[in-house]
Amino acid sequence: MFGHFKVAQSLALHLELCTFLPSAIPCTAYSSTWAPIDPAPCTTLLIQLPAKIMFTALISAETTTLQLKDHLTYPESGVLSKVIWKDEVCQYSLFCLAANTEISEHTSTRNATVQVVEGTGSLTLNGETIALAPGVFIFMAANAPHALTAAANLAFVLTLSSAS
C-alpha cells in the first residue's frame, strides 16, 4: 500500500492536468514518473501509475465529518493531496504544498474552487494575482488558466465539479 493507493502492476496513463490530478499526486512521492507529453503549455502529463488503483476517501457515508487540520501533512518538497470525497459529479481534495512549491500554469475542463485552510501563497487566475491566506475562497471557471505558488507551507481544499 502506497499512501492512499493499493497497487498491483504498472500502467501508463495520460491524464489531463487537474481532471484527476488530486488523486494521482500522492503517487509522485512513491517512484511514479511524470513526463510532459506536450512541451507547450503543459496541460497533459504522462504519469506512470500502478494498475488497479484504489483510493481511500477521508470521509464516507458512515463518517461524514472530519477536522481538516488533523489531516494536514506537508511533504519535504512538492505537493501531497488526499481525496476527501469523490462521486460522479464532484471531487473534494485536501492539498498540502511545501513552502516554495510552484504549480505552473494549466487549465482544467472542470469548474473548481479553492478554499485556503492554512499558510500563504499566491494564485494567478486569468492573469490576476490573488493572495492566498486562511479563509480565502476562490471560484475558477472551467478552462481558466491558473498557476499557484506556496510562499510558506500551504493547505487548501480543491473542489472539482462538472462544468455546466
C-alpha atoms as a PDB file:
ATOM      1  CA  MET A   1       0.000   0.000   0.000  1.00  0.00           C
ATOM      2  CA  PHE A   2       1.434   3.373  -1.046  1.00  0.00           C
ATOM      3  CA  GLY A   3      -0.180   6.332   0.701  1.00  0.00           C
ATOM      4  CA  HIS A   4      -3.843   6.184  -0.229  1.00  0.00           C
ATOM      5  CA  PHE A   5      -3.360   3.728  -3.098  1.00  0.00           C
ATOM      6  CA  LYS A   6      -3.330  -0.063  -3.249  1.00  0.00           C
ATOM      7  CA  VAL A   7      -1.113  -1.215  -6.108  1.00  0.00           C
ATOM      8  CA  ALA A   8      -0.646  -4.255  -8.301  1.00  0.00           C
ATOM      9  CA  GLN A   9       1.224  -3.805 -11.620  1.00  0.00           C
ATOM     10  CA  SER A  10       2.351  -0.769 -13.641  1.00  0.00           C
ATOM     11  CA  LEU A  11       0.165   1.051 -16.129  1.00  0.00           C
ATOM     12  CA  ALA A  12       0.860   4.243 -18.087  1.00  0.00           C
ATOM     13  CA  LEU A  13      -1.979   6.741 -18.141  1.00  0.00           C
ATOM     14  CA  HIS A  14      -2.500  10.004 -19.976  1.00  0.00           C
ATOM     15  CA  LEU A  15      -4.368  12.412 -17.762  1.00  0.00           C
ATOM     16  CA  GLU A  16      -5.498  15.939 -18.303  1.00  0.00           C
ATOM     17  CA  LEU A  17      -3.948  18.070 -15.608  1.00  0.00           C
ATOM     18  CA  CYS A  18      -6.467  18.744 -12.823  1.00  0.00           C
ATOM     19  CA  THR A  19      -9.134  16.414 -14.175  1.00  0.00           C
ATOM     20  CA  PHE A  20      -7.988  13.576 -11.938  1.00  0.00           C
ATOM     21  CA  LEU A  21      -4.733  15.052 -10.671  1.00  0.00           C
ATOM     22  CA  PRO A  22      -5.654  15.292  -6.984  1.00  0.00           C
ATOM     23  CA  SER A  23      -5.802  11.537  -6.592  1.00  0.00           C
ATOM     24  CA  ALA A  24      -2.752  10.987  -8.758  1.00  0.00           C
ATOM     25  CA  ILE A  25      -0.396  13.322  -6.927  1.00  0.00           C
ATOM     26  CA  PRO A  26       0.414  11.073  -3.941  1.00  0.00           C
ATOM     27  CA  CYS A  27       1.895   8.537  -6.353  1.00  0.00           C
ATOM     28  CA  THR A  28       4.583  11.047  -7.315  1.00  0.00           C
ATOM     29  CA  ALA A  29       6.123  10.608  -3.894  1.00  0.00           C
ATOM     30  CA  TYR A  30       6.447   6.861  -4.417  1.00  0.00           C
ATOM     31  CA  SER A  31       8.517   6.266  -7.567  1.00  0.00           C
ATOM     32  CA  SER A  32       5.937   7.140 -10.190  1.00  0.00           C
ATOM     33  CA  THR A  33       7.299   9.159 -13.081  1.00  0.00           C
ATOM     34  CA  TRP A  34       5.968  12.380 -14.598  1.00  0.00           C
ATOM     35  CA  ALA A  35       6.972  13.490 -18.088  1.00  0.00           C
ATOM     36  CA  PRO A  36       5.419  16.248 -20.184  1.00  0.00           C
ATOM     37  CA  ILE A  37       3.802  14.852 -23.322  1.00  0.00           C
ATOM     38  CA  ASP A  38       3.336  18.247 -24.940  1.00  0.00           C
ATOM     39  CA  PRO A  39       6.075  20.767 -24.032  1.00  0.00           C
ATOM     40  CA  ALA A  40       3.761  23.661 -24.979  1.00  0.00           C
ATOM     41  CA  PRO A  41       1.688  24.806 -22.003  1.00  0.00           C
ATOM     42  CA  CYS A  42       1.844  21.543 -20.143  1.00  0.00           C
ATOM     43  CA  THR A  43      -1.794  20.600 -19.770  1.00  0.00           C
ATOM     44  CA  THR A  44      -1.148  16.921 -20.391  1.00  0.00           C
ATOM     45  CA  LEU A  45       1.142  14.639 -18.413  1.00  0.00           C
ATOM     46  CA  LEU A  46       2.284  11.079 -18.785  1.00  0.00           C
ATOM     47  CA  ILE A  47       2.090   9.595 -15.323  1.00  0.00           C
ATOM     48  CA  GLN A  48       3.372   6.130 -14.558  1.00  0.00           C
ATOM     49  CA  LEU A  49       0.893   4.807 -12.015  1.00  0.00           C
ATOM     50  CA  PRO A  50       0.283   1.419 -10.512  1.00  0.00           C
ATOM     51  CA  ALA A  51      -2.566  -0.548 -12.101  1.00  0.00           C
ATOM     52  CA  LYS A  52      -5.712  -1.351 -10.122  1.00  0.00           C
ATOM     53  CA  ILE A  53      -5.537   1.904  -8.193  1.00  0.00           C
ATOM     54  CA  MET A  54      -7.958   2.321  -5.359  1.00  0.00           C
ATOM     55  CA  PHE A  55      -8.203   5.497  -3.336  1.00  0.00           C
ATOM     56  CA  THR A  56      -9.384   5.870   0.212  1.00  0.00           C
ATOM     57  CA  ALA A  57     -11.528   8.911   0.860  1.00  0.00           C
ATOM     58  CA  LEU A  58     -11.058  10.677   4.191  1.00  0.00           C
ATOM     59  CA  ILE A  59     -14.821  10.648   4.815  1.00  0.00           C
ATOM     60  CA  SER A  60     -17.532   8.148   3.931  1.00  0.00           C
ATOM     61  CA  ALA A  61     -21.250   7.610   4.319  1.00  0.00           C
ATOM     62  CA  GLU A  62     -20.510   6.397   7.864  1.00  0.00           C
ATOM     63  CA  THR A  63     -18.113   9.207   8.826  1.00  0.00           C
ATOM     64  CA  THR A  64     -19.484  12.372   7.274  1.00  0.00           C
ATOM     65  CA  THR A  65     -17.316  14.899   9.134  1.00  0.00           C
ATOM     66  CA  LEU A  66     -13.629  15.451   9.737  1.00  0.00           C
ATOM     67  CA  GLN A  67     -11.297  18.061  11.177  1.00  0.00           C
ATOM     68  CA  LEU A  68      -9.141  19.214   8.249  1.00  0.00           C
ATOM     69  CA  LYS A  69      -6.244  20.280  10.496  1.00  0.00           C
ATOM     70  CA  ASP A  70      -5.914  16.657  11.664  1.00  0.00           C
ATOM     71  CA  HIS A  71      -5.067  15.683   8.081  1.00  0.00           C
ATOM     72  CA  LEU A  72      -2.516  18.358   7.205  1.00  0.00           C
ATOM     73  CA  THR A  73       0.732  16.641   6.249  1.00  0.00           C
ATOM     74  CA  TYR A  74       3.360  18.613   4.369  1.00  0.00           C
ATOM     75  CA  PRO A  75       5.913  16.902   2.149  1.00  0.00           C
ATOM     76  CA  GLU A  76       9.568  17.992   2.338  1.00  0.00           C
ATOM     77  CA  SER A  77       9.081  19.402  -1.151  1.00  0.00           C
ATOM     78  CA  GLY A  78       6.317  19.427  -3.716  1.00  0.00           C
ATOM     79  CA  VAL A  79       2.658  18.511  -3.342  1.00  0.00           C
ATOM     80  CA  LEU A  80       0.696  15.940  -1.375  1.00  0.00           C
ATOM     81  CA  SER A  81      -3.046  15.549  -1.852  1.00  0.00           C
ATOM     82  CA  LYS A  82      -5.673  13.439  -0.137  1.00  0.00           C
ATOM     83  CA  VAL A  83      -9.127  12.749  -1.532  1.00  0.00           C
ATOM     84  CA  ILE A  84     -11.731  13.885   0.990  1.00  0.00           C
ATOM     85  CA  TRP A  85     -14.744  12.678  -1.004  1.00  0.00           C
ATOM     86  CA  LYS A  86     -15.418  11.791  -4.613  1.00  0.00           C
ATOM     87  CA  ASP A  87     -18.521  10.912  -6.572  1.00  0.00           C
ATOM     88  CA  GLU A  88     -19.625  11.124 -10.217  1.00  0.00           C
ATOM     89  CA  VAL A  89     -20.147  14.907 -10.045  1.00  0.00           C
ATOM     90  CA  CYS A  90     -17.568  16.324  -7.597  1.00  0.00           C
ATOM     91  CA  GLN A  91     -14.204  15.588  -6.114  1.00  0.00           C
ATOM     92  CA  TYR A  92     -13.020  17.260  -2.907  1.00  0.00           C
ATOM     93  CA  SER A  93      -9.290  17.023  -2.176  1.00  0.00           C
ATOM     94  CA  LEU A  94      -7.030  18.373   0.549  1.00  0.00           C
ATOM     95  CA  PHE A  95      -3.805  19.728  -0.948  1.00  0.00           C
ATOM     96  CA  CYS A  96      -0.683  20.322   1.143  1.00  0.00           C
ATOM     97  CA  LEU A  97       2.169  22.125  -0.606  1.00  0.00           C
ATOM     98  CA  ALA A  98       5.657  22.535   0.831  1.00  0.00           C
ATOM     99  CA  ALA A  99       6.999  26.079   1.063  1.00  0.00           C
ATOM    100  CA  ASN A 100       8.370  27.423  -2.244  1.00  0.00           C
ATOM    101  CA  THR A 101       6.411  24.921  -4.352  1.00  0.00           C
ATOM    102  CA  GLU A 102       5.152  26.159  -7.703  1.00  0.00           C
ATOM    103  CA  ILE A 103       2.443  24.660  -9.884  1.00  0.00           C
ATOM    104  CA  SER A 104       2.877  26.061 -13.390  1.00  0.00           C
ATOM    105  CA  GLU A 105       0.031  27.499 -15.409  1.00  0.00           C
ATOM    106  CA  HIS A 106      -2.532  24.967 -16.582  1.00  0.00           C
ATOM    107  CA  THR A 107      -6.276  24.612 -17.150  1.00  0.00           C
ATOM    108  CA  SER A 108      -8.976  22.181 -16.119  1.00  0.00           C
ATOM    109  CA  THR A 109     -12.038  21.069 -18.030  1.00  0.00           C
ATOM    110  CA  ARG A 110     -13.986  21.233 -14.759  1.00  0.00           C
ATOM    111  CA  ASN A 111     -15.137  24.117 -12.565  1.00  0.00           C
ATOM    112  CA  ALA A 112     -13.075  24.390  -9.397  1.00  0.00           C
ATOM    113  CA  THR A 113     -12.987  26.140  -6.047  1.00  0.00           C
ATOM    114  CA  VAL A 114     -10.053  26.673  -3.720  1.00  0.00           C
ATOM    115  CA  GLN A 115     -10.559  27.291  -0.007  1.00  0.00           C
ATOM    116  CA  VAL A 116      -7.350  28.050   1.896  1.00  0.00           C
ATOM    117  CA  VAL A 117      -7.032  26.259   5.246  1.00  0.00           C
ATOM    118  CA  GLU A 118      -3.502  27.232   6.331  1.00  0.00           C
ATOM    119  CA  GLY A 119      -0.401  29.010   5.043  1.00  0.00           C
ATOM    120  CA  THR A 120       0.290  31.653   2.420  1.00  0.00           C
ATOM    121  CA  GLY A 121       0.957  31.896  -1.270  1.00  0.00           C
ATOM    122  CA  SER A 122      -0.479  33.290  -4.462  1.00  0.00           C
ATOM    123  CA  LEU A 123      -2.764  32.070  -7.215  1.00  0.00           C
ATOM    124  CA  THR A 124      -2.657  33.613 -10.657  1.00  0.00           C
ATOM    125  CA  LEU A 125      -6.081  33.241 -12.281  1.00  0.00           C
ATOM    126  CA  ASN A 126      -6.709  34.641 -15.774  1.00  0.00           C
ATOM    127  CA  GLY A 127      -3.605  36.826 -15.337  1.00  0.00           C
ATOM    128  CA  GLU A 128      -4.738  38.294 -11.988  1.00  0.00           C
ATOM    129  CA  THR A 129      -2.683  37.520  -8.858  1.00  0.00           C
ATOM    130  CA  ILE A 130      -4.720  36.618  -5.769  1.00  0.00           C
ATOM    131  CA  ALA A 131      -3.092  36.446  -2.313  1.00  0.00           C
ATOM    132  CA  LEU A 132      -3.723  33.141  -0.561  1.00  0.00           C
ATOM    133  CA  ALA A 133      -4.238  33.114   3.199  1.00  0.00           C
ATOM    134  CA  PRO A 134      -6.533  31.191   5.575  1.00  0.00           C
ATOM    135  CA  GLY A 135     -10.199  31.844   4.806  1.00  0.00           C
ATOM    136  CA  VAL A 136      -9.718  32.895   1.159  1.00  0.00           C
ATOM    137  CA  PHE A 137     -12.239  31.235  -1.194  1.00  0.00           C
ATOM    138  CA  ILE A 138     -11.787  31.310  -4.980  1.00  0.00           C
ATOM    139  CA  PHE A 139     -14.018  30.102  -7.818  1.00  0.00           C
ATOM    140  CA  MET A 140     -12.330  29.105 -11.091  1.00  0.00           C
ATOM    141  CA  ALA A 141     -14.461  28.508 -14.175  1.00  0.00           C
ATOM    142  CA  ALA A 142     -13.608  25.543 -16.379  1.00  0.00           C
ATOM    143  CA  ASN A 143     -10.721  26.200 -18.797  1.00  0.00           C
ATOM    144  CA  ALA A 144      -9.491  29.271 -16.875  1.00  0.00           C
ATOM    145  CA  PRO A 145      -5.670  29.413 -16.924  1.00  0.00           C
ATOM    146  CA  HIS A 146      -4.223  29.366 -13.420  1.00  0.00           C
ATOM    147  CA  ALA A 147      -0.929  28.820 -11.563  1.00  0.00           C
ATOM    148  CA  LEU A 148      -0.036  28.634  -7.887  1.00  0.00           C
ATOM    149  CA  THR A 149       2.953  29.380  -5.655  1.00  0.00           C
ATOM    150  CA  ALA A 150       3.258  28.456  -1.972  1.00  0.00           C
ATOM    151  CA  ALA A 151       5.281  31.101  -0.092  1.00  0.00           C
ATOM    152  CA  ALA A 152       5.084  29.028   3.107  1.00  0.00           C
ATOM    153  CA  ASN A 153       3.593  25.584   3.701  1.00  0.00           C
ATOM    154  CA  LEU A 154       0.123  25.915   2.174  1.00  0.00           C
ATOM    155  CA  ALA A 155      -3.009  23.790   2.614  1.00  0.00           C
ATOM    156  CA  PHE A 156      -6.277  24.190   0.735  1.00  0.00           C
ATOM    157  CA  VAL A 157      -9.368  22.247  -0.255  1.00  0.00           C
ATOM    158  CA  LEU A 158      -9.790  21.917  -4.010  1.00  0.00           C
ATOM    159  CA  THR A 159     -13.261  21.053  -5.276  1.00  0.00           C
ATOM    160  CA  LEU A 160     -13.644  19.936  -8.888  1.00  0.00           C
ATOM    161  CA  SER A 161     -17.152  19.794 -10.342  1.00  0.00           C
ATOM    162  CA  SER A 162     -18.672  19.214 -13.747  1.00  0.00           C
ATOM    163  CA  ALA A 163     -18.729  22.271 -15.958  1.00  0.00           C
ATOM    164  CA  SER A 164     -22.236  23.467 -16.847  1.00  0.00           C
END
